[in-house]
Amino acid sequence: MSQRIVLLHATPVAMVPIQDAFRRLWPEAEIVNLLDDGLTIDRKKSVDLSPELSQRFVTLGKYGASMQAQGLLVTCSAFGPAIDVLENELTIPVLRPNEAMFRAALEKGMHIGMLATFAPSVVTMEKEFETFRAQVSSEATLETIIVPDAIDALRGGDVETHNRLVAEYAPRLKHCDVIMLAHFSTSQALKAVEAVVDVPVLAAPEAAVQRMRSLLRA
């Protein structure tokens, strides 16, 4: 019997990368997609995550868990406090979008770079990075660059422009030991970034699939 993994999406542009990663790395898993793209639209309107928006996210996550799910994988990184609630209140594994990628990056060096395209998620992601860094007693540092206009191009269906813009900013982090592509959507620029830097480049979807699979095996 296949294991059901519910993917909780707050933007459509995160869906294809994670679905592709599951097809390649864990095709036996049964994937269920939950999307509320209004979450990202409303998240952009405020620097901080409002209690009302957090509750909307939690409600959607609990609905996903009620669908006989064995695991819940969040694909948007801008809702950290709401994910905290789901981790504490659900009995199934809840995986943050970048947890596995952060852990992999910390194994590769002390100076870690991150290319982001959705600014409201950066504060949450940097806090999460600090949490994982402390857990492994690492002194690693994180340097983040936000790529303007890239996510707007992607939402408009222009993947080529998105990838080009992300790759244009990548050399600014070539001094790092490893570069992370911050969002599931940003992973579409992986090959373009690898072509312009000589350091390892990590994408979140592949790491997340492997991490969820290992959690359920355990």
C-alpha atoms as a PDB file:
ATOM      1  CA  MET A   1       0.000   0.000   0.000  1.00  0.00           C
ATOM      2  CA  SER A   2       1.498   3.359  -1.057  1.00  0.00           C
ATOM      3  CA  GLN A   3       2.019   6.096   1.494  1.00  0.00           C
ATOM      4  CA  ARG A   4      -0.007   9.263   1.043  1.00  0.00           C
ATOM      5  CA  ILE A   5       1.886  12.542   1.242  1.00  0.00           C
ATOM      6  CA  VAL A   6      -0.127  15.752   1.235  1.00  0.00           C
ATOM      7  CA  LEU A   7       1.671  18.694  -0.358  1.00  0.00           C
ATOM      8  CA  LEU A   8       0.564  22.022   1.081  1.00  0.00           C
ATOM      9  CA  HIS A   9       1.073  24.792  -1.503  1.00  0.00           C
ATOM     10  CA  ALA A  10       0.661  28.549  -1.129  1.00  0.00           C
ATOM     11  CA  THR A  11       1.623  29.296  -4.728  1.00  0.00           C
ATOM     12  CA  PRO A  12       1.178  27.366  -7.986  1.00  0.00           C
ATOM     13  CA  VAL A  13       4.809  27.890  -9.015  1.00  0.00           C
ATOM     14  CA  ALA A  14       5.968  25.513  -6.259  1.00  0.00           C
ATOM     15  CA  MET A  15       3.932  22.587  -7.543  1.00  0.00           C
ATOM     16  CA  VAL A  16       5.773  21.384 -10.637  1.00  0.00           C
ATOM     17  CA  PRO A  17       9.253  21.171  -9.018  1.00  0.00           C
ATOM     18  CA  ILE A  18       8.118  19.031  -6.089  1.00  0.00           C
ATOM     19  CA  GLN A  19       5.870  16.836  -8.232  1.00  0.00           C
ATOM     20  CA  ASP A  20       8.797  16.214 -10.561  1.00  0.00           C
ATOM     21  CA  ALA A  21      11.049  15.365  -7.619  1.00  0.00           C
ATOM     22  CA  PHE A  22       8.557  12.797  -6.338  1.00  0.00           C
ATOM     23  CA  ARG A  23       8.235  11.214  -9.796  1.00  0.00           C
ATOM     24  CA  ARG A  24      11.998  10.808 -10.008  1.00  0.00           C
ATOM     25  CA  LEU A  25      12.863   9.904  -6.418  1.00  0.00           C
ATOM     26  CA  TRP A  26       9.753   8.317  -4.885  1.00  0.00           C
ATOM     27  CA  PRO A  27       7.250   7.371  -7.577  1.00  0.00           C
ATOM     28  CA  GLU A  28       5.468   4.905  -5.311  1.00  0.00           C
ATOM     29  CA  ALA A  29       4.236   7.686  -3.016  1.00  0.00           C
ATOM     30  CA  GLU A  30       0.636   8.821  -3.412  1.00  0.00           C
ATOM     31  CA  ILE A  31       0.684  12.598  -3.769  1.00  0.00           C
ATOM     32  CA  VAL A  32      -2.247  14.846  -2.878  1.00  0.00           C
ATOM     33  CA  ASN A  33      -1.993  18.569  -3.663  1.00  0.00           C
ATOM     34  CA  LEU A  34      -3.652  21.288  -1.585  1.00  0.00           C
ATOM     35  CA  LEU A  35      -3.339  24.807  -2.992  1.00  0.00           C
ATOM     36  CA  ASP A  36      -4.480  28.150  -1.624  1.00  0.00           C
ATOM     37  CA  ASP A  37      -2.633  30.707  -3.737  1.00  0.00           C
ATOM     38  CA  GLY A  38      -4.439  33.444  -1.840  1.00  0.00           C
ATOM     39  CA  LEU A  39      -2.063  32.709   1.027  1.00  0.00           C
ATOM     40  CA  THR A  40       0.915  34.072  -0.881  1.00  0.00           C
ATOM     41  CA  ILE A  41      -1.075  36.986  -2.278  1.00  0.00           C
ATOM     42  CA  ASP A  42      -2.084  38.036   1.227  1.00  0.00           C
ATOM     43  CA  ARG A  43       1.339  37.252   2.719  1.00  0.00           C
ATOM     44  CA  LYS A  44       2.923  39.892   0.479  1.00  0.00           C
ATOM     45  CA  LYS A  45       0.752  42.584   2.057  1.00  0.00           C
ATOM     46  CA  SER A  46       2.496  42.532   5.433  1.00  0.00           C
ATOM     47  CA  VAL A  47       6.020  42.144   6.754  1.00  0.00           C
ATOM     48  CA  ASP A  48       4.777  39.954   9.596  1.00  0.00           C
ATOM     49  CA  LEU A  49       2.548  36.904   9.383  1.00  0.00           C
ATOM     50  CA  SER A  50      -0.832  37.968  10.773  1.00  0.00           C
ATOM     51  CA  PRO A  51      -2.712  35.738  13.235  1.00  0.00           C
ATOM     52  CA  GLU A  52      -5.589  35.488  10.759  1.00  0.00           C
ATOM     53  CA  LEU A  53      -3.368  34.328   7.905  1.00  0.00           C
ATOM     54  CA  SER A  54      -1.528  31.938  10.198  1.00  0.00           C
ATOM     55  CA  GLN A  55      -4.837  30.386  11.251  1.00  0.00           C
ATOM     56  CA  ARG A  56      -5.866  29.977   7.608  1.00  0.00           C
ATOM     57  CA  PHE A  57      -2.639  28.132   6.927  1.00  0.00           C
ATOM     58  CA  VAL A  58      -3.044  25.902  10.000  1.00  0.00           C
ATOM     59  CA  THR A  59      -6.632  25.086   9.074  1.00  0.00           C
ATOM     60  CA  LEU A  60      -5.555  24.029   5.584  1.00  0.00           C
ATOM     61  CA  GLY A  61      -2.733  21.906   7.000  1.00  0.00           C
ATOM     62  CA  LYS A  62      -5.065  20.134   9.412  1.00  0.00           C
ATOM     63  CA  TYR A  63      -7.501  19.467   6.594  1.00  0.00           C
ATOM     64  CA  GLY A  64      -4.656  17.908   4.636  1.00  0.00           C
ATOM     65  CA  ALA A  65      -3.688  15.721   7.566  1.00  0.00           C
ATOM     66  CA  SER A  66      -7.289  14.521   7.876  1.00  0.00           C
ATOM     67  CA  MET A  67      -7.101  12.995   4.390  1.00  0.00           C
ATOM     68  CA  GLN A  68      -5.540   9.790   5.731  1.00  0.00           C
ATOM     69  CA  ALA A  69      -2.123  11.319   5.151  1.00  0.00           C
ATOM     70  CA  GLN A  70       1.061   9.700   6.414  1.00  0.00           C
ATOM     71  CA  GLY A  71       3.042  12.922   5.994  1.00  0.00           C
ATOM     72  CA  LEU A  72       2.543  16.628   5.312  1.00  0.00           C
ATOM     73  CA  LEU A  73       5.104  18.483   3.201  1.00  0.00           C
ATOM     74  CA  VAL A  74       4.864  22.279   3.129  1.00  0.00           C
ATOM     75  CA  THR A  75       6.214  23.799  -0.078  1.00  0.00           C
ATOM     76  CA  CYS A  76       6.155  27.514   0.842  1.00  0.00           C
ATOM     77  CA  SER A  77       8.700  28.986   3.232  1.00  0.00           C
ATOM     78  CA  ALA A  78       6.883  32.166   4.283  1.00  0.00           C
ATOM     79  CA  PHE A  79       4.678  30.647   7.013  1.00  0.00           C
ATOM     80  CA  GLY A  80       7.149  29.515   9.667  1.00  0.00           C
ATOM     81  CA  PRO A  81       5.061  30.211  12.823  1.00  0.00           C
ATOM     82  CA  ALA A  82       2.062  28.434  11.307  1.00  0.00           C
ATOM     83  CA  ILE A  83       4.227  25.428  10.482  1.00  0.00           C
ATOM     84  CA  ASP A  84       5.341  25.427  14.131  1.00  0.00           C
ATOM     85  CA  VAL A  85       1.703  24.971  15.146  1.00  0.00           C
ATOM     86  CA  LEU A  86       1.204  22.097  12.720  1.00  0.00           C
ATOM     87  CA  GLU A  87       4.366  20.382  13.963  1.00  0.00           C
ATOM     88  CA  ASN A  88       3.120  20.627  17.548  1.00  0.00           C
ATOM     89  CA  GLU A  89      -0.488  19.618  16.954  1.00  0.00           C
ATOM     90  CA  LEU A  90      -0.348  16.935  14.253  1.00  0.00           C
ATOM     91  CA  THR A  91       0.718  13.360  14.924  1.00  0.00           C
ATOM     92  CA  ILE A  92       2.115  12.776  11.427  1.00  0.00           C
ATOM     93  CA  PRO A  93       5.501  14.078  10.221  1.00  0.00           C
ATOM     94  CA  VAL A  94       5.338  17.721   9.094  1.00  0.00           C
ATOM     95  CA  LEU A  95       8.285  18.723   6.934  1.00  0.00           C
ATOM     96  CA  ARG A  96       9.330  22.319   6.388  1.00  0.00           C
ATOM     97  CA  PRO A  97      10.191  23.150   2.798  1.00  0.00           C
ATOM     98  CA  ASN A  98      13.873  23.881   3.420  1.00  0.00           C
ATOM     99  CA  GLU A  99      14.706  21.729   6.421  1.00  0.00           C
ATOM    100  CA  ALA A 100      16.430  18.991   4.440  1.00  0.00           C
ATOM    101  CA  MET A 101      18.305  21.465   2.233  1.00  0.00           C
ATOM    102  CA  PHE A 102      19.545  23.396   5.261  1.00  0.00           C
ATOM    103  CA  ARG A 103      20.849  20.216   6.838  1.00  0.00           C
ATOM    104  CA  ALA A 104      22.639  19.238   3.624  1.00  0.00           C
ATOM    105  CA  ALA A 105      24.176  22.712   3.275  1.00  0.00           C
ATOM    106  CA  LEU A 106      25.515  22.637   6.822  1.00  0.00           C
ATOM    107  CA  GLU A 107      27.379  19.458   5.962  1.00  0.00           C
ATOM    108  CA  LYS A 108      29.137  21.143   3.046  1.00  0.00           C
ATOM    109  CA  GLY A 109      30.816  24.170   4.567  1.00  0.00           C
ATOM    110  CA  MET A 110      30.881  27.165   6.861  1.00  0.00           C
ATOM    111  CA  HIS A 111      29.934  29.970   4.475  1.00  0.00           C
ATOM    112  CA  ILE A 112      26.531  29.290   2.956  1.00  0.00           C
ATOM    113  CA  GLY A 113      24.826  31.423   0.339  1.00  0.00           C
ATOM    114  CA  MET A 114      21.128  31.558  -0.489  1.00  0.00           C
ATOM    115  CA  LEU A 115      19.352  32.953  -3.561  1.00  0.00           C
ATOM    116  CA  ALA A 116      15.766  33.964  -2.783  1.00  0.00           C
ATOM    117  CA  THR A 117      13.056  35.436  -4.985  1.00  0.00           C
ATOM    118  CA  PHE A 118      10.197  35.982  -2.487  1.00  0.00           C
ATOM    119  CA  ALA A 119      11.328  38.558   0.076  1.00  0.00           C
ATOM    120  CA  PRO A 120       8.593  37.945   2.720  1.00  0.00           C
ATOM    121  CA  SER A 121       9.920  34.424   3.270  1.00  0.00           C
ATOM    122  CA  VAL A 122      13.510  35.414   3.994  1.00  0.00           C
ATOM    123  CA  VAL A 123      13.121  36.376   7.670  1.00  0.00           C
ATOM    124  CA  THR A 124      11.423  33.066   8.443  1.00  0.00           C
ATOM    125  CA  MET A 125      13.999  31.092   6.495  1.00  0.00           C
ATOM    126  CA  GLU A 126      16.940  32.783   8.174  1.00  0.00           C
ATOM    127  CA  LYS A 127      15.443  32.035  11.596  1.00  0.00           C
ATOM    128  CA  GLU A 128      14.956  28.399  10.626  1.00  0.00           C
ATOM    129  CA  PHE A 129      18.525  28.210   9.377  1.00  0.00           C
ATOM    130  CA  GLU A 130      19.750  29.482  12.746  1.00  0.00           C
ATOM    131  CA  THR A 131      17.683  26.811  14.487  1.00  0.00           C
ATOM    132  CA  PHE A 132      19.168  23.985  12.437  1.00  0.00           C
ATOM    133  CA  ARG A 133      22.652  25.485  12.720  1.00  0.00           C
ATOM    134  CA  ALA A 134      22.361  25.485  16.509  1.00  0.00           C
ATOM    135  CA  GLN A 135      21.084  21.902  16.536  1.00  0.00           C
ATOM    136  CA  VAL A 136      24.281  20.653  14.906  1.00  0.00           C
ATOM    137  CA  SER A 137      26.532  23.070  16.841  1.00  0.00           C
ATOM    138  CA  SER A 138      27.768  24.688  13.631  1.00  0.00           C
ATOM    139  CA  GLU A 139      29.375  28.113  13.349  1.00  0.00           C
ATOM    140  CA  ALA A 140      28.267  28.448   9.728  1.00  0.00           C
ATOM    141  CA  THR A 141      27.107  31.806   8.406  1.00  0.00           C
ATOM    142  CA  LEU A 142      24.330  32.514   5.931  1.00  0.00           C
ATOM    143  CA  GLU A 143      24.444  35.185   3.231  1.00  0.00           C
ATOM    144  CA  THR A 144      21.167  35.827   1.413  1.00  0.00           C
ATOM    145  CA  ILE A 145      20.589  37.656  -1.862  1.00  0.00           C
ATOM    146  CA  ILE A 146      17.075  38.479  -3.038  1.00  0.00           C
ATOM    147  CA  VAL A 147      16.663  38.367  -6.816  1.00  0.00           C
ATOM    148  CA  PRO A 148      14.171  41.044  -7.912  1.00  0.00           C
ATOM    149  CA  ASP A 149      11.494  40.415 -10.545  1.00  0.00           C
ATOM    150  CA  ALA A 150      12.285  36.707 -10.944  1.00  0.00           C
ATOM    151  CA  ILE A 151       9.229  35.328  -9.203  1.00  0.00           C
ATOM    152  CA  ASP A 152       6.959  37.734 -11.094  1.00  0.00           C
ATOM    153  CA  ALA A 153       8.345  36.388 -14.359  1.00  0.00           C
ATOM    154  CA  LEU A 154       7.745  32.821 -13.189  1.00  0.00           C
ATOM    155  CA  ARG A 155       4.177  33.557 -12.151  1.00  0.00           C
ATOM    156  CA  GLY A 156       3.649  34.995 -15.602  1.00  0.00           C
ATOM    157  CA  GLY A 157       4.794  31.725 -17.156  1.00  0.00           C
ATOM    158  CA  ASP A 158       8.218  33.008 -18.230  1.00  0.00           C
ATOM    159  CA  VAL A 159      10.482  30.324 -16.809  1.00  0.00           C
ATOM    160  CA  GLU A 160      13.394  31.328 -19.043  1.00  0.00           C
ATOM    161  CA  THR A 161      13.511  34.874 -17.675  1.00  0.00           C
ATOM    162  CA  HIS A 162      13.171  33.608 -14.110  1.00  0.00           C
ATOM    163  CA  ASN A 163      16.110  31.268 -14.552  1.00  0.00           C
ATOM    164  CA  ARG A 164      18.212  33.919 -16.279  1.00  0.00           C
ATOM    165  CA  LEU A 165      17.644  36.456 -13.506  1.00  0.00           C
ATOM    166  CA  VAL A 166      18.513  33.991 -10.756  1.00  0.00           C
ATOM    167  CA  ALA A 167      21.655  32.913 -12.617  1.00  0.00           C
ATOM    168  CA  GLU A 168      22.707  36.544 -13.095  1.00  0.00           C
ATOM    169  CA  TYR A 169      22.821  37.028  -9.325  1.00  0.00           C
ATOM    170  CA  ALA A 170      24.458  33.688  -8.515  1.00  0.00           C
ATOM    171  CA  PRO A 171      28.087  34.825  -9.086  1.00  0.00           C
ATOM    172  CA  ARG A 172      27.666  37.247  -6.171  1.00  0.00           C
ATOM    173  CA  LEU A 173      27.775  34.158  -3.959  1.00  0.00           C
ATOM    174  CA  LYS A 174      30.602  32.338  -5.744  1.00  0.00           C
ATOM    175  CA  HIS A 175      32.830  32.864  -2.693  1.00  0.00           C
ATOM    176  CA  CYS A 176      30.521  30.639  -0.615  1.00  0.00           C
ATOM    177  CA  ASP A 177      31.099  26.947   0.092  1.00  0.00           C
ATOM    178  CA  VAL A 178      27.616  26.087  -1.149  1.00  0.00           C
ATOM    179  CA  ILE A 179      24.661  27.966  -2.639  1.00  0.00           C
ATOM    180  CA  MET A 180      21.045  27.142  -1.776  1.00  0.00           C
ATOM    181  CA  LEU A 181      18.090  27.971  -4.035  1.00  0.00           C
ATOM    182  CA  ALA A 182      15.667  29.227  -1.427  1.00  0.00           C
ATOM    183  CA  HIS A 183      12.251  28.174  -2.712  1.00  0.00           C
ATOM    184  CA  PHE A 184      10.783  25.144  -4.422  1.00  0.00           C
ATOM    185  CA  SER A 185      10.008  27.400  -7.373  1.00  0.00           C
ATOM    186  CA  THR A 186      13.615  28.623  -7.541  1.00  0.00           C
ATOM    187  CA  SER A 187      14.822  25.064  -8.133  1.00  0.00           C
ATOM    188  CA  GLN A 188      13.866  25.482 -11.783  1.00  0.00           C
ATOM    189  CA  ALA A 189      16.984  27.653 -12.130  1.00  0.00           C
ATOM    190  CA  LEU A 190      19.300  24.912 -10.847  1.00  0.00           C
ATOM    191  CA  LYS A 191      21.041  24.144 -14.138  1.00  0.00           C
ATOM    192  CA  ALA A 192      21.355  27.827 -15.025  1.00  0.00           C
ATOM    193  CA  VAL A 193      23.016  28.574 -11.689  1.00  0.00           C
ATOM    194  CA  GLU A 194      25.306  25.554 -11.850  1.00  0.00           C
ATOM    195  CA  ALA A 195      26.510  26.815 -15.235  1.00  0.00           C
ATOM    196  CA  VAL A 196      27.852  30.074 -13.791  1.00  0.00           C
ATOM    197  CA  VAL A 197      29.392  29.031 -10.463  1.00  0.00           C
ATOM    198  CA  ASP A 198      31.897  26.363  -9.449  1.00  0.00           C
ATOM    199  CA  VAL A 199      30.503  25.646  -5.964  1.00  0.00           C
ATOM    200  CA  PRO A 200      27.815  23.066  -5.122  1.00  0.00           C
ATOM    201  CA  VAL A 201      24.229  24.253  -5.643  1.00  0.00           C
ATOM    202  CA  LEU A 202      21.385  22.758  -3.615  1.00  0.00           C
ATOM    203  CA  ALA A 203      17.676  22.740  -4.497  1.00  0.00           C
ATOM    204  CA  ALA A 204      14.946  22.138  -1.924  1.00  0.00           C
ATOM    205  CA  PRO A 205      12.526  19.688  -3.635  1.00  0.00           C
ATOM    206  CA  GLU A 206      14.910  16.744  -4.024  1.00  0.00           C
ATOM    207  CA  ALA A 207      16.199  17.069  -0.477  1.00  0.00           C
ATOM    208  CA  ALA A 208      12.653  17.332   0.888  1.00  0.00           C
ATOM    209  CA  VAL A 209      11.450  14.175  -0.859  1.00  0.00           C
ATOM    210  CA  GLN A 210      14.399  12.180   0.433  1.00  0.00           C
ATOM    211  CA  ARG A 211      13.931  13.553   3.953  1.00  0.00           C
ATOM    212  CA  MET A 212      10.218  12.722   4.053  1.00  0.00           C
ATOM    213  CA  ARG A 213      10.868   9.228   2.794  1.00  0.00           C
ATOM    214  CA  SER A 214      13.486   8.634   5.481  1.00  0.00           C
ATOM    215  CA  LEU A 215      11.186  10.009   8.198  1.00  0.00           C
ATOM    216  CA  LEU A 216       8.414   7.595   7.263  1.00  0.00           C
ATOM    217  CA  ARG A 217      10.800   4.657   7.032  1.00  0.00           C
ATOM    218  CA  ALA A 218      11.989   5.439  10.552  1.00  0.00           C
END
